Structures are given as structure tokens and as C-alpha cells.
PDB file of N, CA and C in Angstrom:
ATOM      1  N   UNK A   1       0.804  -1.175  -0.167  1.00  0.00           N
ATOM      2  CA  UNK A   1      -0.070   0.132   0.039  1.00  0.00           C
ATOM      3  C   UNK A   1       1.158   1.395   0.118  1.00  0.00           C
ATOM      4  N   UNK A   2       2.204   1.117   0.148  1.00  0.00           N
ATOM      5  CA  UNK A   2       3.106   2.211   0.081  1.00  0.00           C
ATOM      6  C   UNK A   2       3.150   2.966  -1.000  1.00  0.00           C
ATOM      7  N   UNK A   3       3.062   1.941  -2.130  1.00  0.00           N
ATOM      8  CA  UNK A   3       2.989   2.471  -3.424  1.00  0.00           C
ATOM      9  C   UNK A   3       1.964   3.272  -3.905  1.00  0.00           C
ATOM     10  N   UNK A   4       0.604   3.257  -3.512  1.00  0.00           N
ATOM     11  CA  UNK A   4      -0.349   4.062  -3.562  1.00  0.00           C
ATOM     12  C   UNK A   4      -0.340   5.419  -3.019  1.00  0.00           C
ATOM     13  N   UNK A   5       0.486   5.465  -2.170  1.00  0.00           N
ATOM     14  CA  UNK A   5       1.070   6.887  -1.518  1.00  0.00           C
ATOM     15  C   UNK A   5       2.054   7.889  -2.418  1.00  0.00           C
ATOM     16  N   UNK A   6       2.792   7.176  -3.296  1.00  0.00           N
ATOM     17  CA  UNK A   6       3.959   7.836  -3.713  1.00  0.00           C
ATOM     18  C   UNK A   6       3.692   8.411  -4.848  1.00  0.00           C
ATOM     19  N   UNK A   7       4.534   9.246  -5.680  1.00  0.00           N
ATOM     20  CA  UNK A   7       4.457   9.741  -7.028  1.00  0.00           C
ATOM     21  C   UNK A   7       4.826   8.248  -7.949  1.00  0.00           C
ATOM     22  N   UNK A   8       4.052   7.816  -8.953  1.00  0.00           N
ATOM     23  CA  UNK A   8       4.365   7.047  -9.750  1.00  0.00           C
ATOM     24  C   UNK A   8       5.449   7.164 -10.875  1.00  0.00           C
ATOM     25  N   UNK A   9       6.591   7.161 -10.987  1.00  0.00           N
ATOM     26  CA  UNK A   9       7.261   7.402 -12.134  1.00  0.00           C
ATOM     27  C   UNK A   9       7.578   6.158 -12.685  1.00  0.00           C
ATOM     28  N   UNK A  10       8.080   6.084 -13.992  1.00  0.00           N
ATOM     29  CA  UNK A  10       8.267   4.723 -14.657  1.00  0.00           C
ATOM     30  C   UNK A  10       8.997   3.792 -14.050  1.00  0.00           C
ATOM     31  N   UNK A  11      10.350   4.269 -13.463  1.00  0.00           N
ATOM     32  CA  UNK A  11      10.870   3.390 -12.387  1.00  0.00           C
ATOM     33  C   UNK A  11      10.317   2.831 -11.412  1.00  0.00           C
ATOM     34  N   UNK A  12       9.465   3.781 -10.522  1.00  0.00           N
ATOM     35  CA  UNK A  12       8.641   2.970  -9.329  1.00  0.00           C
ATOM     36  C   UNK A  12       7.697   2.118  -9.695  1.00  0.00           C
ATOM     37  N   UNK A  13       6.989   2.352 -10.933  1.00  0.00           N
ATOM     38  CA  UNK A  13       5.995   1.562 -11.565  1.00  0.00           C
ATOM     39  C   UNK A  13       6.661   0.130 -11.810  1.00  0.00           C
ATOM     40  N   UNK A  14       7.663  -0.003 -12.563  1.00  0.00           N
ATOM     41  CA  UNK A  14       8.456  -1.098 -12.926  1.00  0.00           C
ATOM     42  C   UNK A  14       8.725  -1.712 -11.868  1.00  0.00           C
ATOM     43  N   UNK A  15       9.217  -1.008 -10.813  1.00  0.00           N
ATOM     44  CA  UNK A  15       9.473  -2.031  -9.319  1.00  0.00           C
ATOM     45  C   UNK A  15       8.135  -2.340  -8.837  1.00  0.00           C
ATOM     46  N   UNK A  16       7.170  -1.394  -8.738  1.00  0.00           N
ATOM     47  CA  UNK A  16       5.990  -2.360  -8.445  1.00  0.00           C
ATOM     48  C   UNK A  16       5.502  -3.479  -8.885  1.00  0.00           C
ATOM     49  N   UNK A  17       5.615  -3.339 -10.548  1.00  0.00           N
ATOM     50  CA  UNK A  17       5.242  -4.590 -11.013  1.00  0.00           C
ATOM     51  C   UNK A  17       5.930  -5.661 -10.835  1.00  0.00           C
ATOM     52  N   UNK A  18       7.167  -5.583 -10.660  1.00  0.00           N
ATOM     53  CA  UNK A  18       7.959  -6.686 -10.229  1.00  0.00           C
ATOM     54  C   UNK A  18       7.549  -7.267  -8.951  1.00  0.00           C
ATOM     55  N   UNK A  19       7.338  -6.197  -8.161  1.00  0.00           N
ATOM     56  CA  UNK A  19       7.050  -6.761  -6.644  1.00  0.00           C
ATOM     57  C   UNK A  19       5.724  -7.447  -6.554  1.00  0.00           C
ATOM     58  N   UNK A  20       4.654  -7.229  -7.439  1.00  0.00           N
ATOM     59  CA  UNK A  20       3.436  -7.564  -7.537  1.00  0.00           C
ATOM     60  C   UNK A  20       3.456  -8.863  -8.168  1.00  0.00           C
ATOM     61  N   UNK A  21       4.343  -9.148  -9.253  1.00  0.00           N
ATOM     62  CA  UNK A  21       4.742 -10.286  -9.896  1.00  0.00           C
ATOM     63  C   UNK A  21       5.244 -11.542  -9.118  1.00  0.00           C
ATOM     64  N   UNK A  22       6.145 -10.893  -8.347  1.00  0.00           N
ATOM     65  CA  UNK A  22       6.788 -11.909  -7.305  1.00  0.00           C
ATOM     66  C   UNK A  22       5.906 -12.473  -6.314  1.00  0.00           C
ATOM     67  N   UNK A  23       5.121 -11.203  -5.705  1.00  0.00           N
ATOM     68  CA  UNK A  23       4.053 -11.679  -4.997  1.00  0.00           C
ATOM     69  C   UNK A  23       3.149 -12.703  -5.470  1.00  0.00           C
ATOM     70  N   UNK A  24       2.596 -12.502  -6.509  1.00  0.00           N
ATOM     71  CA  UNK A  24       1.660 -13.220  -7.141  1.00  0.00           C
ATOM     72  C   UNK A  24       2.047 -15.000  -7.414  1.00  0.00           C
ATOM     73  N   UNK A  25       3.364 -14.804  -7.743  1.00  0.00           N
ATOM     74  CA  UNK A  25       4.001 -16.305  -8.216  1.00  0.00           C
ATOM     75  C   UNK A  25       4.226 -16.915  -6.744  1.00  0.00           C
ATOM     76  N   UNK A  26       4.720 -16.010  -5.969  1.00  0.00           N
ATOM     77  CA  UNK A  26       4.671 -16.835  -4.579  1.00  0.00           C
ATOM     78  C   UNK A  26       3.477 -17.415  -3.952  1.00  0.00           C
ATOM     79  N   UNK A  27       2.256 -16.468  -4.191  1.00  0.00           N
ATOM     80  CA  UNK A  27       1.188 -16.901  -3.743  1.00  0.00           C
ATOM     81  C   UNK A  27       0.489 -18.144  -4.691  1.00  0.00           C
ATOM     82  N   UNK A  28       0.765 -18.290  -6.026  1.00  0.00           N
ATOM     83  CA  UNK A  28       0.411 -19.015  -6.752  1.00  0.00           C
ATOM     84  C   UNK A  28       1.110 -20.626  -6.028  1.00  0.00           C
ATOM     85  N   UNK A  29       2.336 -20.378  -5.837  1.00  0.00           N
ATOM     86  CA  UNK A  29       3.130 -21.754  -5.323  1.00  0.00           C
ATOM     87  C   UNK A  29       2.646 -22.365  -4.258  1.00  0.00           C
ATOM     88  N   UNK A  30       2.076 -21.115  -3.140  1.00  0.00           N
ATOM     89  CA  UNK A  30       1.764 -21.714  -2.133  1.00  0.00           C
ATOM     90  C   UNK A  30       0.331 -22.220  -1.939  1.00  0.00           C
ATOM     91  N   UNK A  31      -0.556 -21.716  -2.805  1.00  0.00           N
ATOM     92  CA  UNK A  31      -1.936 -22.203  -3.329  1.00  0.00           C
ATOM     93  C   UNK A  31      -1.725 -23.605  -4.066  1.00  0.00           C
ATOM     94  N   UNK A  32      -0.784 -23.950  -4.940  1.00  0.00           N
ATOM     95  CA  UNK A  32      -0.786 -25.190  -5.530  1.00  0.00           C
ATOM     96  C   UNK A  32      -0.277 -25.866  -4.606  1.00  0.00           C
ATOM     97  N   UNK A  33       0.506 -25.638  -3.435  1.00  0.00           N
ATOM     98  CA  UNK A  33       1.280 -26.747  -2.754  1.00  0.00           C
ATOM     99  C   UNK A  33       0.123 -27.208  -1.760  1.00  0.00           C
ATOM    100  N   UNK A  34      -0.563 -26.365  -1.183  1.00  0.00           N
ATOM    101  CA  UNK A  34      -1.870 -26.461  -0.280  1.00  0.00           C
ATOM    102  C   UNK A  34      -2.980 -27.420  -0.862  1.00  0.00           C
ATOM    103  N   UNK A  35      -3.269 -27.259  -1.904  1.00  0.00           N
ATOM    104  CA  UNK A  35      -4.132 -28.146  -2.709  1.00  0.00           C
ATOM    105  C   UNK A  35      -3.557 -29.486  -3.073  1.00  0.00           C
ATOM    106  N   UNK A  36      -2.201 -29.651  -3.553  1.00  0.00           N
ATOM    107  CA  UNK A  36      -1.550 -30.812  -3.442  1.00  0.00           C
ATOM    108  C   UNK A  36      -1.612 -31.601  -2.319  1.00  0.00           C
ATOM    109  N   UNK A  37      -1.345 -30.939  -1.132  1.00  0.00           N
ATOM    110  CA  UNK A  37      -1.273 -31.419  -0.050  1.00  0.00           C
ATOM    111  C   UNK A  37      -2.298 -32.229   0.413  1.00  0.00           C
ATOM    112  N   UNK A  38      -3.383 -31.296   0.473  1.00  0.00           N
ATOM    113  CA  UNK A  38      -4.865 -31.854   0.954  1.00  0.00           C
ATOM    114  C   UNK A  38      -5.525 -32.650  -0.106  1.00  0.00           C
ATOM    115  N   UNK A  39      -4.891 -32.740  -1.100  1.00  0.00           N
ATOM    116  CA  UNK A  39      -5.578 -33.714  -2.245  1.00  0.00           C
ATOM    117  C   UNK A  39      -4.936 -35.126  -1.756  1.00  0.00           C
ATOM    118  N   UNK A  40      -3.497 -35.054  -1.599  1.00  0.00           N
ATOM    119  CA  UNK A  40      -2.760 -36.245  -1.202  1.00  0.00           C
ATOM    120  C   UNK A  40      -3.345 -36.664   0.071  1.00  0.00           C
ATOM    121  N   UNK A  41      -3.703 -35.880   0.887  1.00  0.00           N
ATOM    122  CA  UNK A  41      -4.350 -36.539   2.122  1.00  0.00           C
ATOM    123  C   UNK A  41      -5.711 -37.173   2.073  1.00  0.00           C
ATOM    124  N   UNK A  42      -6.349 -36.427   0.920  1.00  0.00           N
ATOM    125  CA  UNK A  42      -7.698 -37.014   0.704  1.00  0.00           C
ATOM    126  C   UNK A  42      -7.574 -38.485  -0.024  1.00  0.00           C
ATOM    127  N   UNK A  43      -6.726 -38.785  -0.593  1.00  0.00           N
ATOM    128  CA  UNK A  43      -6.411 -40.008  -1.360  1.00  0.00           C
ATOM    129  C   UNK A  43      -6.059 -40.891  -0.504  1.00  0.00           C
ATOM    130  N   UNK A  44      -4.940 -40.275   0.716  1.00  0.00           N
ATOM    131  CA  UNK A  44      -4.569 -41.554   1.427  1.00  0.00           C
ATOM    132  C   UNK A  44      -5.714 -41.927   2.372  1.00  0.00           C
ATOM    133  N   UNK A  45      -6.871 -40.606   2.441  1.00  0.00           N
ATOM    134  CA  UNK A  45      -7.641 -41.374   3.708  1.00  0.00           C
ATOM    135  C   UNK A  45      -8.843 -42.120   2.879  1.00  0.00           C
ATOM    136  N   UNK A  46      -9.099 -41.985   1.579  1.00  0.00           N
ATOM    137  CA  UNK A  46     -10.300 -42.884   1.302  1.00  0.00           C
ATOM    138  C   UNK A  46      -9.549 -43.992   0.442  1.00  0.00           C
ATOM    139  N   UNK A  47      -8.285 -44.499   0.492  1.00  0.00           N
ATOM    140  CA  UNK A  47      -7.649 -45.400  -0.232  1.00  0.00           C
ATOM    141  C   UNK A  47      -8.140 -46.935   0.316  1.00  0.00           C
ATOM    142  N   UNK A  48      -7.873 -47.056   1.750  1.00  0.00           N
ATOM    143  CA  UNK A  48      -8.644 -48.240   2.260  1.00  0.00           C
ATOM    144  C   UNK A  48     -10.028 -48.614   2.142  1.00  0.00           C
ATOM    145  N   UNK A  49     -10.694 -47.500   2.403  1.00  0.00           N
ATOM    146  CA  UNK A  49     -11.965 -48.049   1.930  1.00  0.00           C
ATOM    147  C   UNK A  49     -12.408 -48.092   0.786  1.00  0.00           C
ATOM    148  N   UNK A  50     -11.743 -47.541  -0.331  1.00  0.00           N
ATOM    149  CA  UNK A  50     -12.199 -47.968  -1.518  1.00  0.00           C
ATOM    150  C   UNK A  50     -11.906 -49.592  -2.023  1.00  0.00           C
ATOM    151  N   UNK A  51     -10.636 -49.527  -1.592  1.00  0.00           N
ATOM    152  CA  UNK A  51      -9.976 -51.107  -1.924  1.00  0.00           C
ATOM    153  C   UNK A  51     -10.892 -51.823  -1.056  1.00  0.00           C
ATOM    154  N   UNK A  52     -11.633 -51.849   0.053  1.00  0.00           N
ATOM    155  CA  UNK A  52     -12.495 -52.718   0.768  1.00  0.00           C
ATOM    156  C   UNK A  52     -14.037 -52.915   0.060  1.00  0.00           C
ATOM    157  N   UNK A  53     -14.098 -51.848  -0.385  1.00  0.00           N
ATOM    158  CA  UNK A  53     -15.600 -51.639  -1.206  1.00  0.00           C
ATOM    159  C   UNK A  53     -15.403 -52.340  -2.530  1.00  0.00           C
ATOM    160  N   UNK A  54     -13.997 -52.177  -3.346  1.00  0.00           N
ATOM    161  CA  UNK A  54     -13.691 -53.210  -4.817  1.00  0.00           C
ATOM    162  C   UNK A  54     -13.896 -54.724  -4.123  1.00  0.00           C
ATOM    163  N   UNK A  55     -13.366 -55.073  -2.718  1.00  0.00           N
ATOM    164  CA  UNK A  55     -13.129 -56.405  -2.767  1.00  0.00           C
ATOM    165  C   UNK A  55     -14.620 -57.211  -2.630  1.00  0.00           C
ATOM    166  N   UNK A  56     -15.528 -55.951  -1.847  1.00  0.00           N
ATOM    167  CA  UNK A  56     -16.804 -56.471  -1.595  1.00  0.00           C
ATOM    168  C   UNK A  56     -17.637 -56.466  -2.968  1.00  0.00           C
ATOM    169  N   UNK A  57     -17.382 -55.448  -3.681  1.00  0.00           N
ATOM    170  CA  UNK A  57     -18.005 -55.721  -4.954  1.00  0.00           C
ATOM    171  C   UNK A  57     -17.484 -56.900  -5.901  1.00  0.00           C
ATOM    172  N   UNK A  58     -16.454 -57.389  -5.948  1.00  0.00           N
ATOM    173  CA  UNK A  58     -16.299 -58.526  -6.425  1.00  0.00           C
ATOM    174  C   UNK A  58     -16.674 -60.024  -5.827  1.00  0.00           C
ATOM    175  N   UNK A  59     -16.922 -59.679  -4.535  1.00  0.00           N
ATOM    176  CA  UNK A  59     -17.912 -60.867  -3.960  1.00  0.00           C
ATOM    177  C   UNK A  59     -18.894 -60.879  -4.515  1.00  0.00           C
ATOM    178  N   UNK A  60     -19.579 -59.921  -4.423  1.00  0.00           N
ATOM    179  CA  UNK A  60     -21.138 -59.649  -4.862  1.00  0.00           C
ATOM    180  C   UNK A  60     -21.236 -60.139  -6.193  1.00  0.00           C
ATOM    181  N   UNK A  61     -20.433 -59.852  -6.989  1.00  0.00           N
ATOM    182  CA  UNK A  61     -20.602 -60.271  -8.467  1.00  0.00           C
ATOM    183  C   UNK A  61     -20.358 -61.798  -8.734  1.00  0.00           C
ATOM    184  N   UNK A  62     -19.362 -62.269  -7.902  1.00  0.00           N
ATOM    185  CA  UNK A  62     -19.284 -63.934  -7.696  1.00  0.00           C
ATOM    186  C   UNK A  62     -20.535 -64.424  -7.292  1.00  0.00           C
ATOM    187  N   UNK A  63     -20.788 -63.850  -6.129  1.00  0.00           N
ATOM    188  CA  UNK A  63     -22.194 -64.531  -5.658  1.00  0.00           C
ATOM    189  C   UNK A  63     -23.370 -64.335  -6.720  1.00  0.00           C
ATOM    190  N   UNK A  64     -23.514 -63.337  -7.144  1.00  0.00           N
ATOM    191  CA  UNK A  64     -24.540 -63.150  -8.129  1.00  0.00           C
ATOM    192  C   UNK A  64     -24.235 -64.532  -9.413  1.00  0.00           C
ATOM    193  N   UNK A  65     -23.264 -64.808  -9.602  1.00  0.00           N
ATOM    194  CA  UNK A  65     -23.016 -65.600 -10.636  1.00  0.00           C
ATOM    195  C   UNK A  65     -23.529 -67.038 -10.115  1.00  0.00           C
ATOM    196  N   UNK A  66     -23.142 -67.178  -9.283  1.00  0.00           N
ATOM    197  CA  UNK A  66     -23.378 -68.569  -8.307  1.00  0.00           C
ATOM    198  C   UNK A  66     -24.859 -68.671  -8.319  1.00  0.00           C
ATOM    199  N   UNK A  67     -25.647 -67.643  -7.913  1.00  0.00           N
ATOM    200  CA  UNK A  67     -26.806 -67.672  -7.910  1.00  0.00           C
ATOM    201  C   UNK A  67     -27.633 -67.630  -8.983  1.00  0.00           C
ATOM    202  N   UNK A  68     -27.328 -66.968 -10.182  1.00  0.00           N
ATOM    203  CA  UNK A  68     -27.678 -67.100 -11.720  1.00  0.00           C
ATOM    204  C   UNK A  68     -27.813 -68.797 -12.011  1.00  0.00           C
ATOM    205  N   UNK A  69     -26.558 -69.365 -11.895  1.00  0.00           N
ATOM    206  CA  UNK A  69     -26.304 -70.708 -12.215  1.00  0.00           C
ATOM    207  C   UNK A  69     -27.224 -71.689 -11.322  1.00  0.00           C
ATOM    208  N   UNK A  70     -27.387 -71.262 -10.242  1.00  0.00           N
ATOM    209  CA  UNK A  70     -28.282 -71.860  -9.316  1.00  0.00           C
ATOM    210  C   UNK A  70     -29.859 -72.019  -9.598  1.00  0.00           C
ATOM    211  N   UNK A  71     -30.227 -70.901 -10.274  1.00  0.00           N
ATOM    212  CA  UNK A  71     -31.700 -70.414 -10.479  1.00  0.00           C
ATOM    213  C   UNK A  71     -31.952 -71.156 -11.992  1.00  0.00           C
ATOM    214  N   UNK A  72     -31.095 -71.179 -13.010  1.00  0.00           N
ATOM    215  CA  UNK A  72     -30.885 -71.793 -14.091  1.00  0.00           C
ATOM    216  C   UNK A  72     -31.144 -73.501 -13.713  1.00  0.00           C
ATOM    217  N   UNK A  73     -30.442 -73.920 -12.929  1.00  0.00           N
ATOM    218  CA  UNK A  73     -30.446 -75.534 -12.613  1.00  0.00           C
ATOM    219  C   UNK A  73     -31.822 -75.445 -12.198  1.00  0.00           C
ATOM    220  N   UNK A  74     -32.395 -74.868 -10.930  1.00  0.00           N
ATOM    221  CA  UNK A  74     -33.820 -75.123 -10.365  1.00  0.00           C
ATOM    222  C   UNK A  74     -34.953 -74.763 -11.452  1.00  0.00           C
ATOM    223  N   UNK A  75     -34.754 -74.016 -12.627  1.00  0.00           N
ATOM    224  CA  UNK A  75     -35.394 -74.031 -13.763  1.00  0.00           C
ATOM    225  C   UNK A  75     -35.869 -75.219 -14.452  1.00  0.00           C
ATOM    226  N   UNK A  76     -34.782 -75.987 -14.444  1.00  0.00           N
ATOM    227  CA  UNK A  76     -34.440 -77.322 -15.354  1.00  0.00           C
ATOM    228  C   UNK A  76     -35.441 -78.314 -14.686  1.00  0.00           C
ATOM    229  N   UNK A  77     -35.530 -78.271 -13.392  1.00  0.00           N
ATOM    230  CA  UNK A  77     -36.496 -79.245 -12.667  1.00  0.00           C
ATOM    231  C   UNK A  77     -37.793 -79.075 -12.852  1.00  0.00           C
ATOM    232  N   UNK A  78     -38.348 -80.555 -13.203  1.00  0.00           N
ATOM    233  CA  UNK A  78     -39.812 -80.526 -13.824  1.00  0.00           C
ATOM    234  C   UNK A  78     -40.626 -79.915 -12.782  1.00  0.00           C
ATOM    235  N   UNK A  79     -41.757 -79.515 -13.545  1.00  0.00           N
ATOM    236  CA  UNK A  79     -42.826 -78.965 -12.077  1.00  0.00           C
ATOM    237  C   UNK A  79     -43.316 -79.637 -11.223  1.00  0.00           C
ATOM    238  N   UNK A  80     -43.519 -80.901 -11.757  1.00  0.00           N
ATOM    239  CA  UNK A  80     -43.768 -81.768 -10.861  1.00  0.00           C
ATOM    240  C   UNK A  80     -43.516 -82.307  -9.775  1.00  0.00           C
ATOM    241  N   UNK A  81     -42.247 -81.850  -9.609  1.00  0.00           N
ATOM    242  CA  UNK A  81     -41.217 -82.089  -8.416  1.00  0.00           C
ATOM    243  C   UNK A  81     -41.882 -81.254  -7.297  1.00  0.00           C
ATOM    244  N   UNK A  82     -42.215 -79.940  -7.767  1.00  0.00           N
ATOM    245  CA  UNK A  82     -42.411 -79.143  -6.757  1.00  0.00           C
ATOM    246  C   UNK A  82     -44.192 -79.266  -6.276  1.00  0.00           C
ATOM    247  N   UNK A  83     -44.644 -79.934  -6.952  1.00  0.00           N
ATOM    248  CA  UNK A  83     -45.790 -80.459  -6.112  1.00  0.00           C
ATOM    249  C   UNK A  83     -45.731 -81.270  -5.079  1.00  0.00           C
ATOM    250  N   UNK A  84     -46.580 -80.819  -3.804  1.00  0.00           N
ATOM    251  CA  UNK A  84     -46.406 -81.527  -2.473  1.00  0.00           C
ATOM    252  C   UNK A  84     -46.843 -82.747  -2.679  1.00  0.00           C
ATOM    253  N   UNK A  85     -47.806 -83.255  -3.591  1.00  0.00           N
ATOM    254  CA  UNK A  85     -48.272 -84.374  -3.468  1.00  0.00           C
ATOM    255  C   UNK A  85     -47.378 -85.546  -4.348  1.00  0.00           C
ATOM    256  N   UNK A  86     -46.316 -85.024  -5.155  1.00  0.00           N
ATOM    257  CA  UNK A  86     -45.492 -85.651  -5.886  1.00  0.00           C
ATOM    258  C   UNK A  86     -44.965 -86.765  -5.157  1.00  0.00           C
ATOM    259  N   UNK A  87     -44.914 -88.059  -5.544  1.00  0.00           N
ATOM    260  CA  UNK A  87     -44.194 -88.978  -4.635  1.00  0.00           C
ATOM    261  C   UNK A  87     -43.346 -89.789  -6.019  1.00  0.00           C
ATOM    262  N   UNK A  88     -41.982 -89.224  -6.254  1.00  0.00           N
ATOM    263  CA  UNK A  88     -41.071 -89.859  -7.080  1.00  0.00           C
ATOM    264  C   UNK A  88     -40.683 -91.284  -6.797  1.00  0.00           C
ATOM    265  N   UNK A  89     -40.653 -91.873  -7.874  1.00  0.00           N
ATOM    266  CA  UNK A  89     -39.925 -93.209  -7.688  1.00  0.00           C
ATOM    267  C   UNK A  89     -38.307 -93.122  -8.029  1.00  0.00           C
ATOM    268  N   UNK A  90     -37.671 -93.982  -8.002  1.00  0.00           N
ATOM    269  CA  UNK A  90     -36.171 -93.907  -8.265  1.00  0.00           C
ATOM    270  C   UNK A  90     -35.801 -93.529  -9.515  1.00  0.00           C
ATOM    271  N   UNK A  91     -36.496 -93.601 -10.473  1.00  0.00           N
ATOM    272  CA  UNK A  91     -36.401 -93.559 -11.827  1.00  0.00           C
ATOM    273  C   UNK A  91     -36.051 -91.821 -12.021  1.00  0.00           C
ATOM    274  N   UNK A  92     -37.088 -91.179 -11.238  1.00  0.00           N
ATOM    275  CA  UNK A  92     -37.534 -89.982 -11.424  1.00  0.00           C
ATOM    276  C   UNK A  92     -36.217 -89.085 -10.384  1.00  0.00           C
ATOM    277  N   UNK A  93     -35.793 -89.638  -9.276  1.00  0.00           N
ATOM    278  CA  UNK A  93     -34.883 -89.061  -8.397  1.00  0.00           C
ATOM    279  C   UNK A  93     -33.592 -89.130  -9.326  1.00  0.00           C
ATOM    280  N   UNK A  94     -33.189 -90.497 -10.190  1.00  0.00           N
ATOM    281  CA  UNK A  94     -31.936 -90.212 -10.865  1.00  0.00           C
ATOM    282  C   UNK A  94     -32.038 -89.440 -11.833  1.00  0.00           C
ATOM    283  N   UNK A  95     -33.341 -89.247 -12.385  1.00  0.00           N
ATOM    284  CA  UNK A  95     -33.390 -87.939 -13.514  1.00  0.00           C
ATOM    285  C   UNK A  95     -32.947 -86.570 -13.022  1.00  0.00           C
ATOM    286  N   UNK A  96     -33.431 -86.467 -11.709  1.00  0.00           N
ATOM    287  CA  UNK A  96     -33.230 -85.020 -11.280  1.00  0.00           C
ATOM    288  C   UNK A  96     -31.765 -84.998 -10.926  1.00  0.00           C
ATOM    289  N   UNK A  97     -31.307 -86.000 -10.248  1.00  0.00           N
ATOM    290  CA  UNK A  97     -30.055 -85.789  -9.964  1.00  0.00           C
ATOM    291  C   UNK A  97     -29.059 -85.707 -10.920  1.00  0.00           C
ATOM    292  N   UNK A  98     -29.231 -86.137 -12.094  1.00  0.00           N
ATOM    293  CA  UNK A  98     -28.478 -85.961 -13.226  1.00  0.00           C
ATOM    294  C   UNK A  98     -28.386 -84.857 -13.951  1.00  0.00           C
ATOM    295  N   UNK A  99     -29.664 -84.043 -13.802  1.00  0.00           N
ATOM    296  CA  UNK A  99     -30.009 -82.414 -14.177  1.00  0.00           C
ATOM    297  C   UNK A  99     -29.020 -81.965 -13.223  1.00  0.00           C
ATOM    298  N   UNK A 100     -28.820 -82.185 -12.040  1.00  0.00           N
ATOM    299  CA  UNK A 100     -28.205 -81.259 -11.178  1.00  0.00           C
ATOM    300  C   UNK A 100     -26.720 -81.441 -10.977  1.00  0.00           C
ATOM    301  N   UNK A 101     -26.390 -82.515 -11.418  1.00  0.00           N
ATOM    302  CA  UNK A 101     -24.702 -82.882 -11.589  1.00  0.00           C
ATOM    303  C   UNK A 101     -23.962 -82.033 -12.537  1.00  0.00           C
TER     304      UNK A 101
END
């Protein structure tokens, strides 16, 4: 603010411009360093939870594949088997077991 009260000669204006430029560059470096530090801290804080979520997502996808296969196998069983009054003989039991294998 001292510059505002003084007479502005070309030399003093050039000095003011250099000081302002230096101040802006220092401010930029400080700001970039602060943002980088906070971003690095953010990444380190969420890294482990994200890895855990990734593992859980993989497990859910694996379980989904198993359940889809089981659903397909259950759909292959004849409707008569699901009837509570159905009394299968050995031939029908063998047929169901062969489909499940």
C-alpha cells in the first residue's frame, strides 16, 4: 500500500510491477502446494475404504454368478417335483440328480 501514496514514475511503476509479479508467483506456489497436500491427504484417507469396497463388489458379483447358475438349474427341474403330492420313484430321482450334476 505504500506504493499507492507515492508519485508513480516509470521506474517506481516497474518496481511495483516486479514486486506484484513476485507476490503473485509466491501466492500461486503456496496455493498449489496447499491444494496438492490436501489432495494427497484425501487420497490416502479414502484409499483403504475404496479397496475394501472393491473387494466386496467382486464378492457380490461372484455370488450373483453362482445364484444365476443355481436359478437356471432349479428352472430345469420339472414342475411336478415342486408339487407336494408328488411321490417320485427311483427313476425320477435319478433324472433330477443327473440334471443337478
